[in-house]
Amino acid sequence: MFNLIDLTVNPQQRKRNAKHCKEKKIVLPTYEQMKDPNKIPEKFRDELKGVGLWDLHPRNLFRITWKNQPVAKGGGFDGVNHLVLPSELTGCKAKIIALLGKFFPTGAHKVGASYSCLAPRLVSGQFNVEKEKVVWPSTGNYCRGGAYVASLLSCESIAILPEGMSKERFEWLKKVAGEIIATPGCESNVKEIFDKCWELRQTRKDIQIYNQFEEFGNTLWHYEVTGEAVLELLANEHNVKGAILSSGSAGTLGMGYRLKEKFPHAKLAVAEALQCATLLNNGFGDHRIEGIGDKHVPWIHDVKNTDMVIAVDDEIPIRMLRLFNEEKGHDILKQHNVSKELIDKLNLIGISGLGNLVAAIKFAKYYELTEKDVVVTIFTDSTELYGSRLGELRHERGEYAERNAHRDLQLIEDITTDGLLELNYHQNKRIHNLKYYTLVEQQQRAVSELNAQWYDWSNYWGQLPRLAAKLDNLIKEFNAEIGAAI
């Protein structure tokens, strides 16, 4: 049996880690608390009343949840942050519900994935919080989330991301990460990130590398916390047709696995950029949907549990970015009966979120969904992280005029069902086999585990539902050593 997450305890190191956390007044949240913040002790919720959402304060570990009040400072907890996209905007009949990552610390949900990767090593004593640095290889938001979480835990980190990512990411990381390494290329250049990790392994003895593409803590957080949030939103829905999520690190697909357990007839569709359609066409190339690395199949992607692949032309989300954030775009949307309330919230959708929205529209049109049907997706971050991209587009394409807005709205209405593939057994197997070239040949994963993912599917992936309870027990024990009974 292959363990998805190693929970072997090193008692001596765990004790030293607990001592460090006690000195720094750090207390760790459980998965139950991240799912339901009402279970957070009142004294910690009171402390948060004086803490900003992005502040480097250890209590913000308790803001790793979808239920933060949407305010910059002092907010408590409320319902799940989300948007409902109506047909007036999407051009399809089905209701599209999207979770919002904007109201996490750092402005993206990746703090959850990074915490879920680091916490097991911290509470088990497999990581030395005072002597080792955490390396966060990423195409953007994961290394930001990782550097943030590491700062809250008072440990050092190294952020790795492509040099072509937005200026906002780099400027913020300079304030938080101990080291920043910019690798060649854009979000498509994941291999260059992996190569840098191997270089660090060979030259540094003071590091642990948490590769989001291989870390099942990433999947677990989305299965448990994001999955619970989605099921809460869908409590009164009966025609749930599917989850549409970008491939990227494959972490968010954990939400899709949870959704399919509750709604067995729902489908999990995985989106990627048409310009680098790896799952669809074994492809390569560059694209502009920031945050969804490609050219490989992540180790943590349960391919056998995937029903569809959808390729998104990156020109569509790039043009939607302007339509949703320029004054002339807002004017035209109002003329087409999109409510002012929704228009004022469209800046909550970042570029990868726009890509997910396009894929959700394609999914709804392909299956001819009706007004009774619901699909769900995630908007990882907001336009806040892409202001420089809007400036670049104005420079490249000129000021945004009314005619541009009309064309871009028509572009949404004309989204077609090209670039889709319903997966059968052998198509799933083809995609699964792609893991060999990147993860076995390049990253030295075991062929025997690759085969277990496919041929021993229920035992391998079936571990996921049991992991959160085991980790919560370890976190509670660790907090007890700190002296915080929660």
Protein backbone atom coordinates (compact mmCIF):
# COMPACT_ATOMS: atom_id res chain seq x y z
CA MET A 1 0.00 0.00 0.00
CA PHE A 2 1.34 3.43 -0.99
CA ASN A 3 0.59 6.19 1.49
CA LEU A 4 -0.72 9.40 -0.07
CA ILE A 5 0.67 11.38 2.89
CA ASP A 6 3.35 10.03 5.23
CA LEU A 7 2.18 10.58 8.83
CA THR A 8 5.13 8.88 10.55
CA VAL A 9 5.89 10.82 13.73
CA ASN A 10 9.37 11.90 14.86
CA PRO A 11 8.59 12.67 18.54
CA GLN A 12 11.80 14.58 19.27
CA GLN A 13 11.51 16.90 16.29
CA ARG A 14 7.79 17.35 16.80
CA LYS A 15 8.52 18.49 20.35
CA ARG A 16 11.08 21.02 19.07
CA ASN A 17 8.60 22.27 16.45
CA ALA A 18 5.94 22.68 19.14
CA LYS A 19 8.37 24.63 21.31
CA HIS A 20 9.08 26.95 18.35
CA CYS A 21 5.37 27.51 17.76
CA LYS A 22 4.73 28.17 21.45
CA GLU A 23 7.44 30.83 21.53
CA LYS A 24 5.99 32.48 18.42
CA LYS A 25 2.38 32.18 19.71
CA ILE A 26 1.41 30.02 16.72
CA VAL A 27 -1.61 27.71 16.85
CA LEU A 28 -2.62 25.51 13.93
CA PRO A 29 -6.14 25.20 12.51
CA THR A 30 -7.69 21.78 11.94
CA TYR A 31 -9.45 20.77 8.74
CA GLU A 32 -12.72 20.83 10.68
CA GLN A 33 -12.10 24.47 11.59
CA MET A 34 -11.17 25.40 8.04
CA LYS A 35 -14.46 23.85 6.90
CA ASP A 36 -16.49 25.38 9.74
CA PRO A 37 -14.91 28.49 11.33
CA ASN A 38 -17.60 28.42 14.03
CA LYS A 39 -15.46 25.71 15.60
CA ILE A 40 -12.54 28.13 16.03
CA PRO A 41 -12.20 29.12 19.72
CA GLU A 42 -13.76 32.49 20.45
CA LYS A 43 -10.50 33.92 21.80
CA PHE A 44 -8.86 33.49 18.40
CA ARG A 45 -11.83 34.94 16.57
CA ASP A 46 -11.64 37.95 18.88
CA GLU A 47 -7.96 38.41 18.06
CA LEU A 48 -8.77 38.47 14.35
CA LYS A 49 -10.91 41.58 14.84
CA GLY A 50 -7.68 43.59 14.90
CA VAL A 51 -5.88 41.75 12.10
CA GLY A 52 -5.90 42.60 8.38
CA LEU A 53 -6.71 39.89 5.87
CA TRP A 54 -3.20 39.98 4.37
CA ASP A 55 -1.30 40.76 7.58
CA LEU A 56 1.66 38.55 8.45
CA HIS A 57 0.06 37.51 11.72
CA PRO A 58 -0.08 33.88 12.92
CA ARG A 59 -3.82 34.13 13.67
CA ASN A 60 -4.44 34.48 9.95
CA LEU A 61 -3.86 30.73 9.76
CA PHE A 62 -7.48 30.59 10.92
CA ARG A 63 -8.50 32.57 7.84
CA ILE A 64 -7.62 29.65 5.57
CA THR A 65 -11.28 29.14 4.75
CA TRP A 66 -13.83 29.97 2.04
CA LYS A 67 -15.95 31.73 4.67
CA ASN A 68 -14.03 34.91 5.45
CA GLN A 69 -16.13 38.05 5.49
CA PRO A 70 -15.16 40.03 2.35
CA VAL A 71 -13.42 42.90 4.15
CA ALA A 72 -9.80 43.98 4.28
CA LYS A 73 -9.44 44.05 8.08
CA GLY A 74 -11.13 42.73 11.19
CA GLY A 75 -13.65 40.54 9.45
CA GLY A 76 -15.20 37.48 11.00
CA PHE A 77 -16.75 34.55 9.18
CA ASP A 78 -19.93 34.18 7.16
CA GLY A 79 -21.23 32.02 4.31
CA VAL A 80 -19.17 30.63 1.43
CA ASN A 81 -17.81 33.39 -0.82
CA HIS A 82 -19.14 32.79 -4.31
CA LEU A 83 -20.70 34.27 -7.43
CA VAL A 84 -23.67 33.07 -9.45
CA LEU A 85 -23.29 33.81 -13.16
CA PRO A 86 -26.64 34.23 -14.98
CA SER A 87 -27.46 33.56 -18.62
CA GLU A 88 -27.50 37.32 -19.39
CA LEU A 89 -23.72 37.21 -18.98
CA THR A 90 -22.76 33.68 -19.98
CA GLY A 91 -25.07 33.10 -22.93
CA CYS A 92 -25.96 29.60 -21.68
CA LYS A 93 -29.10 28.55 -19.85
CA ALA A 94 -27.51 26.69 -16.93
CA LYS A 95 -26.65 28.39 -13.65
CA ILE A 96 -22.91 28.62 -13.09
CA ILE A 97 -21.80 28.86 -9.46
CA ALA A 98 -18.18 29.82 -8.75
CA LEU A 99 -16.29 29.90 -5.46
CA LEU A 100 -14.24 33.08 -4.93
CA GLY A 101 -10.59 32.88 -3.91
CA LYS A 102 -10.23 36.64 -3.55
CA PHE A 103 -11.04 36.69 0.16
CA PHE A 104 -8.28 34.42 1.35
CA PRO A 105 -5.07 35.93 2.71
CA THR A 106 -2.88 36.71 -0.37
CA GLY A 107 -6.06 37.02 -2.45
CA ALA A 108 -6.02 33.40 -3.66
CA HIS A 109 -7.07 30.02 -2.24
CA LYS A 110 -3.58 28.55 -2.67
CA VAL A 111 -2.81 29.35 0.97
CA GLY A 112 -5.02 26.34 1.73
CA ALA A 113 -3.07 23.96 -0.49
CA SER A 114 0.29 25.18 0.80
CA TYR A 115 -0.78 24.90 4.45
CA SER A 116 -2.07 21.39 3.78
CA CYS A 117 1.31 20.41 2.33
CA LEU A 118 3.42 21.88 5.14
CA ALA A 119 1.24 21.11 8.19
CA PRO A 120 1.61 17.28 8.03
CA ARG A 121 5.43 17.55 8.11
CA LEU A 122 5.34 20.16 10.84
CA VAL A 123 3.03 18.30 13.25
CA SER A 124 4.67 14.92 12.59
CA GLY A 125 8.19 16.25 13.10
CA GLN A 126 9.33 15.41 9.57
CA PHE A 127 10.25 19.08 9.04
CA ASN A 128 12.66 21.13 11.14
CA VAL A 129 10.92 24.49 11.39
CA GLU A 130 14.02 26.30 12.68
CA LYS A 131 16.72 24.89 10.41
CA GLU A 132 15.09 23.96 7.10
CA LYS A 133 13.72 26.20 4.37
CA VAL A 134 10.58 25.35 2.42
CA VAL A 135 10.82 25.45 -1.37
CA TRP A 136 7.58 26.29 -3.18
CA PRO A 137 7.81 25.48 -6.93
CA SER A 138 4.88 27.13 -8.67
CA THR A 139 3.45 28.94 -11.65
CA GLY A 140 2.32 31.77 -9.39
CA ASN A 141 -0.20 31.65 -6.56
CA TYR A 142 1.05 28.49 -4.84
CA CYS A 143 4.48 29.94 -4.09
CA ARG A 144 2.78 33.13 -2.88
CA GLY A 145 0.53 31.10 -0.59
CA GLY A 146 3.46 28.98 0.54
CA ALA A 147 5.69 31.95 1.32
CA TYR A 148 2.81 33.52 3.27
CA VAL A 149 2.05 30.40 5.31
CA ALA A 150 5.76 29.89 6.00
CA SER A 151 5.96 33.48 7.28
CA LEU A 152 3.03 32.91 9.62
CA LEU A 153 4.87 29.84 10.94
CA SER A 154 8.09 31.87 11.32
CA CYS A 155 10.10 29.70 8.97
CA GLU A 156 11.99 30.63 5.83
CA SER A 157 10.95 29.87 2.29
CA ILE A 158 12.19 29.91 -1.30
CA ALA A 159 9.65 30.84 -3.98
CA ILE A 160 10.16 29.53 -7.52
CA LEU A 161 8.02 30.83 -10.38
CA PRO A 162 8.40 31.67 -14.09
CA GLU A 163 9.88 35.05 -14.95
CA GLY A 164 6.92 35.80 -17.22
CA MET A 165 4.34 35.92 -14.42
CA SER A 166 2.63 39.21 -13.53
CA LYS A 167 4.60 41.99 -11.85
CA GLU A 168 2.16 42.03 -8.94
CA ARG A 169 3.23 38.52 -7.90
CA PHE A 170 6.93 39.39 -7.82
CA GLU A 171 6.45 42.71 -6.05
CA TRP A 172 4.45 41.10 -3.26
CA LEU A 173 6.82 38.13 -2.90
CA LYS A 174 9.75 40.47 -2.29
CA LYS A 175 8.10 41.45 0.99
CA VAL A 176 7.42 37.88 2.16
CA ALA A 177 9.72 35.21 0.68
CA GLY A 178 13.31 34.82 1.87
CA GLU A 179 14.46 34.00 -1.65
CA ILE A 180 12.81 34.34 -5.06
CA ILE A 181 13.97 32.33 -8.07
CA ALA A 182 12.57 33.31 -11.49
CA THR A 183 12.84 30.48 -14.01
CA PRO A 184 12.77 30.92 -17.81
CA GLY A 185 9.43 31.21 -19.62
CA CYS A 186 5.80 31.65 -18.64
CA GLU A 187 3.16 29.57 -16.87
CA SER A 188 3.61 26.81 -19.47
CA ASN A 189 7.24 26.24 -18.53
CA VAL A 190 6.84 23.81 -15.63
CA LYS A 191 9.85 21.64 -16.55
CA GLU A 192 12.15 24.59 -15.97
CA ILE A 193 10.73 24.83 -12.44
CA PHE A 194 11.35 21.12 -11.88
CA ASP A 195 14.91 21.47 -13.20
CA LYS A 196 15.60 24.24 -10.70
CA CYS A 197 14.30 22.00 -7.91
CA TRP A 198 16.77 19.28 -8.87
CA GLU A 199 19.56 21.83 -8.86
CA LEU A 200 18.58 22.87 -5.33
CA ARG A 201 18.41 19.25 -4.15
CA GLN A 202 21.96 18.71 -5.34
CA THR A 203 23.40 21.91 -3.89
CA ARG A 204 21.41 22.64 -0.71
CA LYS A 205 21.09 20.52 2.42
CA ASP A 206 18.81 22.92 4.32
CA ILE A 207 15.67 22.61 2.22
CA GLN A 208 12.46 20.62 1.79
CA ILE A 209 10.69 20.88 -1.57
CA TYR A 210 6.91 20.86 -1.57
CA ASN A 211 5.99 20.27 -5.19
CA GLN A 212 2.28 21.05 -5.53
CA PHE A 213 2.03 18.75 -8.57
CA GLU A 214 3.00 15.75 -6.40
CA GLU A 215 1.81 16.71 -2.91
CA PHE A 216 -1.44 15.01 -1.89
CA GLY A 217 -1.89 17.63 0.81
CA ASN A 218 -2.93 19.85 -2.09
CA THR A 219 -5.65 17.41 -3.17
CA LEU A 220 -6.72 16.72 0.41
CA TRP A 221 -7.37 20.36 1.21
CA HIS A 222 -9.62 20.80 -1.80
CA TYR A 223 -11.35 17.46 -1.22
CA GLU A 224 -12.15 18.37 2.37
CA VAL A 225 -12.40 22.16 2.61
CA THR A 226 -13.35 23.21 -0.92
CA GLY A 227 -15.52 20.13 -1.29
CA GLU A 228 -17.43 20.96 1.89
CA ALA A 229 -17.92 24.56 0.75
CA VAL A 230 -19.33 23.46 -2.60
CA LEU A 231 -21.69 20.93 -1.04
CA GLU A 232 -22.97 23.65 1.28
CA LEU A 233 -23.72 25.90 -1.71
CA LEU A 234 -25.48 23.04 -3.49
CA ALA A 235 -27.56 21.92 -0.50
CA ASN A 236 -30.83 22.82 -2.22
CA GLU A 237 -29.84 21.92 -5.78
CA HIS A 238 -31.02 18.71 -7.42
CA ASN A 239 -29.69 18.96 -10.97
CA VAL A 240 -25.95 19.26 -10.35
CA LYS A 241 -24.34 18.36 -13.65
CA GLY A 242 -20.66 18.78 -13.01
CA ALA A 243 -17.54 20.54 -11.81
CA ILE A 244 -15.32 22.32 -14.33
CA LEU A 245 -11.79 22.99 -13.06
CA SER A 246 -8.43 23.82 -14.60
CA SER A 247 -5.75 21.15 -14.61
CA GLY A 248 -2.87 23.24 -13.25
CA SER A 249 -1.49 21.36 -10.25
CA ALA A 250 -4.70 19.23 -10.21
CA GLY A 251 -5.30 20.13 -6.56
CA THR A 252 -8.70 21.73 -7.12
CA LEU A 253 -9.86 18.50 -8.79
CA GLY A 254 -10.18 17.15 -5.25
CA MET A 255 -13.36 19.21 -5.00
CA GLY A 256 -14.64 17.41 -8.09
CA TYR A 257 -13.95 14.00 -6.56
CA ARG A 258 -15.97 15.00 -3.48
CA LEU A 259 -18.79 16.38 -5.63
CA LYS A 260 -19.07 13.13 -7.58
CA GLU A 261 -19.43 11.15 -4.37
CA LYS A 262 -22.47 13.24 -3.44
CA PHE A 263 -23.84 13.51 -6.99
CA PRO A 264 -22.81 10.27 -8.78
CA HIS A 265 -24.23 11.40 -12.12
CA ALA A 266 -22.22 14.63 -12.14
CA LYS A 267 -19.17 14.87 -14.37
CA LEU A 268 -15.68 16.21 -13.71
CA ALA A 269 -14.35 18.25 -16.62
CA VAL A 270 -10.74 19.42 -16.70
CA ALA A 271 -9.89 22.64 -18.52
CA GLU A 272 -6.59 23.61 -20.11
CA ALA A 273 -5.33 26.16 -22.62
CA LEU A 274 -5.90 25.36 -26.29
CA GLN A 275 -2.45 26.76 -27.05
CA CYS A 276 -0.88 24.02 -24.91
CA ALA A 277 -3.50 21.28 -24.86
CA THR A 278 -1.57 18.58 -23.02
CA LEU A 279 -4.43 16.34 -21.87
CA LEU A 280 -6.36 16.78 -25.09
CA ASN A 281 -3.53 16.56 -27.57
CA ASN A 282 -0.24 15.72 -25.80
CA GLY A 283 0.68 19.29 -26.64
CA PHE A 284 3.29 21.90 -25.97
CA GLY A 285 3.54 25.65 -26.41
CA ASP A 286 2.87 28.85 -24.49
CA HIS A 287 -0.35 30.44 -23.32
CA ARG A 288 -1.62 33.43 -21.34
CA ILE A 289 -3.97 31.88 -18.78
CA GLU A 290 -1.76 32.60 -15.79
CA GLY A 291 -1.68 30.03 -13.02
CA ILE A 292 -2.39 26.80 -14.91
CA GLY A 293 0.95 25.17 -15.67
CA ASP A 294 0.94 22.39 -18.22
CA LYS A 295 2.99 20.13 -20.54
CA HIS A 296 2.61 17.34 -17.99
CA VAL A 297 -0.02 15.43 -16.01
CA PRO A 298 0.29 16.03 -12.24
CA TRP A 299 0.95 12.99 -10.05
CA ILE A 300 -2.05 13.92 -7.88
CA HIS A 301 -4.53 13.93 -10.79
CA ASP A 302 -6.93 10.99 -10.51
CA VAL A 303 -7.27 10.58 -14.26
CA LYS A 304 -9.52 7.55 -14.02
CA ASN A 305 -12.05 9.74 -12.20
CA THR A 306 -12.09 12.40 -14.95
CA ASP A 307 -14.90 12.56 -17.52
CA MET A 308 -14.00 15.32 -19.96
CA VAL A 309 -11.20 17.55 -21.19
CA ILE A 310 -11.97 21.08 -22.40
CA ALA A 311 -9.49 23.29 -24.26
CA VAL A 312 -9.91 27.07 -23.85
CA ASP A 313 -8.52 29.53 -26.40
CA ASP A 314 -6.56 31.97 -24.23
CA GLU A 315 -7.68 34.94 -26.36
CA ILE A 316 -11.19 34.63 -24.92
CA PRO A 317 -10.31 35.14 -21.21
CA ILE A 318 -7.84 37.87 -22.17
CA ARG A 319 -10.60 39.81 -23.95
CA MET A 320 -13.05 39.07 -21.14
CA LEU A 321 -10.56 40.61 -18.72
CA ARG A 322 -11.02 43.96 -20.48
CA LEU A 323 -14.78 43.61 -20.94
CA PHE A 324 -15.23 42.91 -17.21
CA ASN A 325 -12.89 45.65 -15.99
CA GLU A 326 -13.10 48.58 -18.41
CA GLU A 327 -15.73 51.33 -18.12
CA LYS A 328 -17.00 50.84 -21.68
CA GLY A 329 -17.35 47.14 -21.01
CA HIS A 330 -19.52 47.85 -17.98
CA ASP A 331 -21.70 50.18 -20.04
CA ILE A 332 -22.39 47.51 -22.66
CA LEU A 333 -23.06 44.83 -20.03
CA LYS A 334 -25.67 47.10 -18.45
CA GLN A 335 -27.35 47.47 -21.86
CA HIS A 336 -27.60 43.67 -22.00
CA ASN A 337 -29.42 43.43 -18.67
CA VAL A 338 -26.47 42.33 -16.56
CA SER A 339 -27.19 43.70 -13.10
CA LYS A 340 -25.07 46.48 -11.64
CA GLU A 341 -24.58 44.34 -8.54
CA LEU A 342 -22.90 41.63 -10.62
CA ILE A 343 -20.96 44.08 -12.79
CA ASP A 344 -19.44 45.59 -9.66
CA LYS A 345 -18.19 42.14 -8.68
CA LEU A 346 -16.66 41.08 -12.01
CA ASN A 347 -13.27 42.30 -10.83
CA LEU A 348 -13.33 39.33 -8.44
CA ILE A 349 -12.45 37.07 -11.37
CA GLY A 350 -8.79 36.68 -12.35
CA ILE A 351 -7.47 35.33 -15.64
CA SER A 352 -7.53 31.64 -14.66
CA GLY A 353 -11.05 32.17 -13.30
CA LEU A 354 -12.10 33.56 -16.66
CA GLY A 355 -10.61 30.47 -18.27
CA ASN A 356 -12.69 28.29 -15.95
CA LEU A 357 -15.77 30.32 -16.81
CA VAL A 358 -15.23 29.80 -20.54
CA ALA A 359 -14.83 26.06 -19.95
CA ALA A 360 -18.02 25.96 -17.86
CA ILE A 361 -19.94 27.67 -20.67
CA LYS A 362 -18.59 25.15 -23.19
CA PHE A 363 -19.59 22.30 -20.87
CA ALA A 364 -23.12 23.66 -20.43
CA LYS A 365 -23.59 24.15 -24.16
CA TYR A 366 -22.19 20.71 -25.03
CA TYR A 367 -24.64 18.91 -22.75
CA GLU A 368 -27.50 21.29 -23.70
CA LEU A 369 -28.12 22.12 -20.06
CA THR A 370 -31.30 23.97 -19.10
CA GLU A 371 -32.36 26.55 -16.53
CA LYS A 372 -32.85 23.72 -14.03
CA ASP A 373 -29.22 22.63 -14.23
CA VAL A 374 -26.21 23.75 -12.20
CA VAL A 375 -22.46 23.53 -12.78
CA VAL A 376 -19.72 24.65 -10.40
CA THR A 377 -16.22 26.04 -10.82
CA ILE A 378 -13.62 28.10 -8.96
CA PHE A 379 -12.26 31.61 -9.46
CA THR A 380 -8.81 31.22 -7.93
CA ASP A 381 -7.97 34.91 -7.63
CA SER A 382 -9.09 38.36 -8.76
CA THR A 383 -8.13 41.17 -11.12
CA GLU A 384 -6.18 42.65 -8.20
CA LEU A 385 -3.26 40.45 -9.27
CA TYR A 386 -3.46 41.45 -12.95
CA GLY A 387 -3.58 45.24 -13.01
CA SER A 388 -0.31 45.29 -14.95
CA ARG A 389 -1.83 42.99 -17.57
CA LEU A 390 -4.67 45.43 -18.14
CA GLY A 391 -2.10 48.19 -18.61
CA GLU A 392 -0.17 46.07 -21.09
CA LEU A 393 -3.36 45.37 -23.07
CA ARG A 394 -4.16 49.08 -23.27
CA HIS A 395 -0.65 49.71 -24.56
CA GLU A 396 -0.80 46.88 -27.10
CA ARG A 397 -4.40 47.27 -28.32
CA GLY A 398 -5.32 50.85 -27.56
CA GLU A 399 -8.03 52.30 -25.36
CA TYR A 400 -11.09 50.16 -24.82
CA ALA A 401 -13.97 51.51 -26.89
CA GLU A 402 -17.65 50.67 -27.17
CA ARG A 403 -17.06 48.68 -30.35
CA ASN A 404 -14.51 46.51 -28.51
CA ALA A 405 -17.02 45.80 -25.75
CA HIS A 406 -19.72 44.79 -28.26
CA ARG A 407 -17.31 42.42 -29.99
CA ASP A 408 -16.10 40.90 -26.74
CA LEU A 409 -19.59 40.31 -25.43
CA GLN A 410 -20.45 38.68 -28.75
CA LEU A 411 -17.33 36.55 -28.33
CA ILE A 412 -18.79 35.13 -25.11
CA GLU A 413 -22.17 34.49 -26.72
CA ASP A 414 -20.44 32.71 -29.63
CA ILE A 415 -18.43 30.30 -27.47
CA THR A 416 -18.67 26.93 -29.18
CA THR A 417 -18.17 23.31 -28.16
CA ASP A 418 -14.98 22.75 -30.11
CA GLY A 419 -11.94 21.40 -28.28
CA LEU A 420 -13.93 19.06 -26.02
CA LEU A 421 -13.37 15.35 -25.51
CA GLU A 422 -15.55 12.98 -23.49
CA LEU A 423 -13.15 10.43 -22.05
CA ASN A 424 -13.56 6.68 -22.30
CA TYR A 425 -11.39 4.04 -20.62
CA HIS A 426 -8.60 4.08 -23.19
CA GLN A 427 -8.54 7.87 -23.48
CA ASN A 428 -8.21 8.13 -19.71
CA LYS A 429 -5.41 5.57 -19.84
CA ARG A 430 -3.57 7.58 -22.51
CA ILE A 431 -3.63 10.66 -20.29
CA HIS A 432 -2.62 8.65 -17.22
CA ASN A 433 0.35 7.20 -19.10
CA LEU A 434 1.66 10.73 -19.74
CA LYS A 435 2.63 10.85 -16.06
CA TYR A 436 5.44 8.43 -16.85
CA TYR A 437 7.45 10.87 -18.96
CA THR A 438 7.49 13.72 -16.47
CA LEU A 439 7.00 12.15 -13.06
CA VAL A 440 8.81 8.82 -13.47
CA GLU A 441 11.56 9.67 -15.95
CA GLN A 442 12.25 13.20 -14.70
CA GLN A 443 11.09 13.19 -11.06
CA GLN A 444 11.97 9.59 -10.16
CA ARG A 445 8.52 8.50 -9.02
CA ALA A 446 8.01 4.73 -8.88
CA VAL A 447 6.44 2.85 -11.79
CA SER A 448 4.83 0.52 -9.25
CA GLU A 449 2.98 3.49 -7.72
CA LEU A 450 1.96 4.74 -11.16
CA ASN A 451 0.41 1.32 -11.80
CA ALA A 452 -1.26 1.33 -8.39
CA GLN A 453 -2.96 4.62 -9.23
CA TRP A 454 -4.64 2.87 -12.16
CA TYR A 455 -4.94 -0.85 -11.35
CA ASP A 456 -5.45 -0.58 -7.58
CA TRP A 457 -7.62 2.50 -7.92
CA SER A 458 -10.02 2.00 -4.99
CA ASN A 459 -7.29 1.23 -2.44
CA TYR A 460 -4.96 3.99 -3.65
CA TRP A 461 -7.36 6.90 -4.06
CA GLY A 462 -9.70 5.51 -1.42
CA GLN A 463 -7.28 6.73 1.27
CA LEU A 464 -8.30 10.35 0.64
CA PRO A 465 -11.55 10.43 2.70
CA ARG A 466 -9.75 9.10 5.81
CA LEU A 467 -6.75 11.42 5.85
CA ALA A 468 -8.27 14.61 7.27
CA ALA A 469 -9.42 12.92 10.49
CA LYS A 470 -5.95 11.43 11.01
CA LEU A 471 -4.29 14.77 10.41
CA ASP A 472 -6.72 16.58 12.69
CA ASN A 473 -5.74 14.21 15.49
CA LEU A 474 -2.07 15.01 14.90
CA ILE A 475 -2.79 18.75 14.79
CA LYS A 476 -4.71 18.56 18.08
CA GLU A 477 -1.86 16.64 19.69
CA PHE A 478 0.62 19.20 18.38
CA ASN A 479 -1.47 22.11 19.66
CA ALA A 480 -1.68 20.38 23.04
CA GLU A 481 2.12 20.30 23.15
CA ILE A 482 2.09 24.03 22.37
CA GLY A 483 -0.30 24.45 25.25
CA ALA A 484 -3.34 25.41 23.22
CA ALA A 485 -6.28 23.09 23.64
CA ILE A 486 -8.64 23.74 20.71
